[in-house]
C-alpha atoms as a PDB file:
ATOM      1  CA  MET A   1      92.201 136.158 135.322  1.00  0.00           C
ATOM      2  CA  GLU A   2      93.573 134.411 132.260  1.00  0.00           C
ATOM      3  CA  LEU A   3      97.018 132.964 132.680  1.00  0.00           C
ATOM      4  CA  PRO A   4      99.189 132.200 129.666  1.00  0.00           C
ATOM      5  CA  LEU A   5      99.808 128.488 129.279  1.00  0.00           C
ATOM      6  CA  ASP A   6     103.220 127.124 128.463  1.00  0.00           C
ATOM      7  CA  PRO A   7     102.636 124.886 125.413  1.00  0.00           C
ATOM      8  CA  ARG A   8     105.227 122.390 126.658  1.00  0.00           C
ATOM      9  CA  GLU A   9     103.396 121.943 129.956  1.00  0.00           C
ATOM     10  CA  VAL A  10     100.123 121.379 128.110  1.00  0.00           C
ATOM     11  CA  LEU A  11     101.735 118.850 125.731  1.00  0.00           C
ATOM     12  CA  ASN A  12     103.315 116.951 128.590  1.00  0.00           C
ATOM     13  CA  GLU A  13     100.151 116.892 130.670  1.00  0.00           C
ATOM     14  CA  VAL A  14      97.928 115.745 127.816  1.00  0.00           C
ATOM     15  CA  ALA A  15     100.348 113.087 126.592  1.00  0.00           C
ATOM     16  CA  HIS A  16     100.951 111.658 130.061  1.00  0.00           C
ATOM     17  CA  ARG A  17      97.241 111.531 130.926  1.00  0.00           C
ATOM     18  CA  VAL A  18      96.342 109.853 127.650  1.00  0.00           C
ATOM     19  CA  ARG A  19      99.169 107.324 127.944  1.00  0.00           C
ATOM     20  CA  HIS A  20      98.213 106.573 131.550  1.00  0.00           C
ATOM     21  CA  HIS A  21      94.507 105.994 130.874  1.00  0.00           C
ATOM     22  CA  SER A  22      94.621 104.637 127.302  1.00  0.00           C
ATOM     23  CA  PRO A  23      98.130 103.548 126.310  1.00  0.00           C
ATOM     24  CA  LYS A  24      97.025 102.352 122.852  1.00  0.00           C
ATOM     25  CA  LEU A  25      95.202 105.576 121.987  1.00  0.00           C
ATOM     26  CA  LYS A  26      96.728 107.580 119.152  1.00  0.00           C
ATOM     27  CA  ILE A  27      97.401 111.250 119.945  1.00  0.00           C
ATOM     28  CA  ILE A  28      96.640 113.919 117.359  1.00  0.00           C
ATOM     29  CA  PHE A  29      97.434 117.447 118.470  1.00  0.00           C
ATOM     30  CA  LEU A  30      95.233 120.224 117.058  1.00  0.00           C
ATOM     31  CA  THR A  31      96.854 123.551 117.876  1.00  0.00           C
ATOM     32  CA  GLN A  32      97.884 126.954 116.591  1.00  0.00           C
ATOM     33  CA  GLU A  33     101.476 126.494 117.830  1.00  0.00           C
ATOM     34  CA  SER A  34     103.872 125.799 114.943  1.00  0.00           C
ATOM     35  CA  SER A  35     107.315 126.301 116.481  1.00  0.00           C
ATOM     36  CA  GLU A  36     109.723 123.490 115.657  1.00  0.00           C
ATOM     37  CA  ASP A  37     110.576 122.871 119.321  1.00  0.00           C
ATOM     38  CA  ILE A  38     106.931 122.345 120.270  1.00  0.00           C
ATOM     39  CA  VAL A  39     106.221 120.131 117.251  1.00  0.00           C
ATOM     40  CA  ARG A  40     109.318 118.029 117.965  1.00  0.00           C
ATOM     41  CA  GLU A  41     108.305 117.700 121.595  1.00  0.00           C
ATOM     42  CA  ALA A  42     104.761 116.636 120.646  1.00  0.00           C
ATOM     43  CA  PHE A  43     106.054 113.827 118.431  1.00  0.00           C
ATOM     44  CA  GLY A  44     108.644 112.917 121.051  1.00  0.00           C
ATOM     45  CA  LEU A  45     105.796 112.476 123.547  1.00  0.00           C
ATOM     46  CA  GLY A  46     104.074 110.026 121.237  1.00  0.00           C
ATOM     47  CA  ALA A  47     101.875 112.137 118.973  1.00  0.00           C
ATOM     48  CA  VAL A  48     101.093 110.560 115.609  1.00  0.00           C
ATOM     49  CA  ALA A  49      99.773 113.747 114.017  1.00  0.00           C
ATOM     50  CA  TYR A  50     100.145 117.480 114.478  1.00  0.00           C
ATOM     51  CA  VAL A  51      97.446 119.615 112.869  1.00  0.00           C
ATOM     52  CA  LEU A  52      97.479 123.402 112.818  1.00  0.00           C
ATOM     53  CA  LYS A  53      94.100 125.001 113.576  1.00  0.00           C
ATOM     54  CA  GLY A  54      94.323 127.264 110.533  1.00  0.00           C
ATOM     55  CA  ASN A  55      94.593 124.174 108.314  1.00  0.00           C
ATOM     56  CA  ALA A  56      92.193 121.938 110.243  1.00  0.00           C
ATOM     57  CA  ALA A  57      89.359 121.803 107.697  1.00  0.00           C
ATOM     58  CA  ARG A  58      91.732 120.509 105.041  1.00  0.00           C
ATOM     59  CA  ASP A  59      94.300 118.637 107.134  1.00  0.00           C
ATOM     60  CA  LEU A  60      92.319 116.887 109.853  1.00  0.00           C
ATOM     61  CA  PRO A  61      90.630 114.355 107.515  1.00  0.00           C
ATOM     62  CA  VAL A  62      93.999 113.687 105.859  1.00  0.00           C
ATOM     63  CA  ALA A  63      95.656 113.317 109.260  1.00  0.00           C
ATOM     64  CA  LEU A  64      93.055 110.780 110.384  1.00  0.00           C
ATOM     65  CA  GLU A  65      93.447 108.731 107.207  1.00  0.00           C
ATOM     66  CA  THR A  66      97.240 108.885 107.444  1.00  0.00           C
ATOM     67  CA  VAL A  67      97.205 107.747 111.076  1.00  0.00           C
ATOM     68  CA  LEU A  68      94.825 104.891 110.230  1.00  0.00           C
ATOM     69  CA  GLN A  69      97.418 103.761 107.665  1.00  0.00           C
ATOM     70  CA  GLY A  70     100.017 103.601 110.424  1.00  0.00           C
ATOM     71  CA  LYS A  71     101.907 106.731 109.384  1.00  0.00           C
ATOM     72  CA  LYS A  72     102.553 110.088 111.032  1.00  0.00           C
ATOM     73  CA  PHE A  73     101.209 113.408 109.779  1.00  0.00           C
ATOM     74  CA  ALA A  74     102.129 117.091 110.104  1.00  0.00           C
ATOM     75  CA  SER A  75     100.201 120.050 108.674  1.00  0.00           C
ATOM     76  CA  ARG A  76     101.606 122.363 106.072  1.00  0.00           C
ATOM     77  CA  GLY A  77     103.443 125.086 107.903  1.00  0.00           C
ATOM     78  CA  VAL A  78     105.143 122.540 110.157  1.00  0.00           C
ATOM     79  CA  ASP A  79     108.651 121.289 109.408  1.00  0.00           C
ATOM     80  CA  ARG A  80     107.765 117.877 107.985  1.00  0.00           C
ATOM     81  CA  ASP A  81     111.377 116.738 108.186  1.00  0.00           C
ATOM     82  CA  ILE A  82     110.631 116.200 111.863  1.00  0.00           C
ATOM     83  CA  LEU A  83     108.607 113.134 110.885  1.00  0.00           C
ATOM     84  CA  SER A  84     111.655 111.356 109.471  1.00  0.00           C
ATOM     85  CA  ARG A  85     113.942 111.902 112.447  1.00  0.00           C
ATOM     86  CA  PRO A  86     114.924 108.545 113.967  1.00  0.00           C
ATOM     87  CA  GLU A  87     114.643 109.731 117.574  1.00  0.00           C
ATOM     88  CA  LEU A  88     110.923 110.353 117.008  1.00  0.00           C
ATOM     89  CA  ALA A  89     110.111 107.101 115.224  1.00  0.00           C
END
Protein backbone atom coordinates (compact mmCIF):
# COMPACT_ATOMS: atom_id res chain seq x y z
CA MET A 1 0.00 0.00 0.00
CA GLU A 2 1.31 3.44 -0.89
CA LEU A 3 0.71 6.08 1.72
CA PRO A 4 0.77 9.76 0.81
CA LEU A 5 3.65 11.57 2.46
CA ASP A 6 3.21 14.94 4.08
CA PRO A 7 5.93 17.11 2.48
CA ARG A 8 6.50 18.94 5.77
CA GLU A 9 7.23 15.69 7.59
CA VAL A 10 9.69 14.67 4.88
CA LEU A 11 11.42 18.09 4.97
CA ASN A 12 11.72 18.00 8.74
CA GLU A 13 13.02 14.44 8.83
CA VAL A 14 15.61 14.99 6.11
CA ALA A 15 16.84 18.30 7.52
CA HIS A 16 17.13 16.98 11.07
CA ARG A 17 18.98 13.82 10.01
CA VAL A 18 21.42 15.74 7.84
CA ARG A 19 22.06 18.34 10.54
CA HIS A 20 22.56 15.62 13.15
CA HIS A 21 25.04 13.56 11.12
CA SER A 22 26.75 16.30 9.07
CA PRO A 23 26.06 19.77 10.48
CA LYS A 24 28.23 21.51 7.86
CA LEU A 25 26.59 19.77 4.91
CA LYS A 26 24.61 22.04 2.60
CA ILE A 27 21.04 20.92 1.89
CA ILE A 28 19.62 21.19 -1.62
CA PHE A 29 16.05 20.00 -1.96
CA LEU A 30 15.07 18.47 -5.32
CA THR A 31 11.30 18.11 -5.40
CA GLN A 32 8.13 18.63 -7.39
CA GLU A 33 6.48 20.56 -4.53
CA SER A 34 6.35 24.31 -5.27
CA SER A 35 3.91 25.65 -2.68
CA GLU A 36 5.20 28.75 -0.91
CA ASP A 37 4.65 27.24 2.55
CA ILE A 38 6.78 24.19 1.76
CA VAL A 39 9.53 26.25 0.12
CA ARG A 40 9.61 28.65 3.07
CA GLU A 41 9.77 25.75 5.49
CA ALA A 42 12.63 24.12 3.55
CA PHE A 43 14.73 27.29 3.73
CA GLY A 44 13.73 27.78 7.36
CA LEU A 45 15.11 24.30 8.09
CA GLY A 46 18.46 25.26 6.60
CA ALA A 47 18.19 24.47 2.90
CA VAL A 48 20.50 26.50 0.67
CA ALA A 49 18.76 25.59 -2.58
CA TYR A 50 15.34 24.44 -3.71
CA VAL A 51 15.19 22.87 -7.17
CA LEU A 52 11.99 21.78 -8.87
CA LYS A 53 12.22 18.40 -10.62
CA GLY A 54 10.73 19.79 -13.83
CA ASN A 55 13.59 22.32 -14.01
CA ALA A 56 16.36 20.06 -12.70
CA ALA A 57 18.35 19.67 -15.92
CA ARG A 58 18.70 23.43 -16.23
CA ASP A 59 18.61 24.52 -12.58
CA LEU A 60 20.62 21.92 -10.69
CA PRO A 61 24.02 22.94 -12.15
CA VAL A 62 23.16 26.60 -11.49
CA ALA A 63 22.04 25.76 -7.96
CA LEU A 64 25.31 23.96 -7.22
CA GLU A 65 27.39 26.86 -8.54
CA THR A 66 25.29 29.38 -6.61
CA VAL A 67 25.64 27.41 -3.37
CA LEU A 68 29.40 27.10 -3.88
CA GLN A 69 29.48 30.92 -4.08
CA GLY A 70 27.82 31.09 -0.68
CA LYS A 71 24.40 32.15 -1.96
CA LYS A 72 20.95 30.57 -1.89
CA PHE A 73 19.05 29.39 -4.95
CA ALA A 74 15.42 28.73 -5.90
CA SER A 75 14.15 27.35 -9.22
CA ARG A 76 11.94 29.30 -11.55
CA GLY A 77 8.39 28.64 -10.49
CA VAL A 78 9.28 29.21 -6.84
CA ASP A 79 8.69 32.57 -5.18
CA ARG A 80 12.26 33.86 -5.17
CA ASP A 81 11.35 36.67 -2.78
CA ILE A 82 11.55 33.98 -0.11
CA LEU A 83 15.33 34.08 -0.46
CA SER A 84 15.53 37.69 0.72
CA ARG A 85 13.39 37.29 3.82
CA PRO A 86 15.46 38.05 6.93
CA GLU A 87 13.97 35.22 9.01
CA LEU A 88 15.43 32.73 6.52
CA ALA A 89 18.90 34.25 6.23
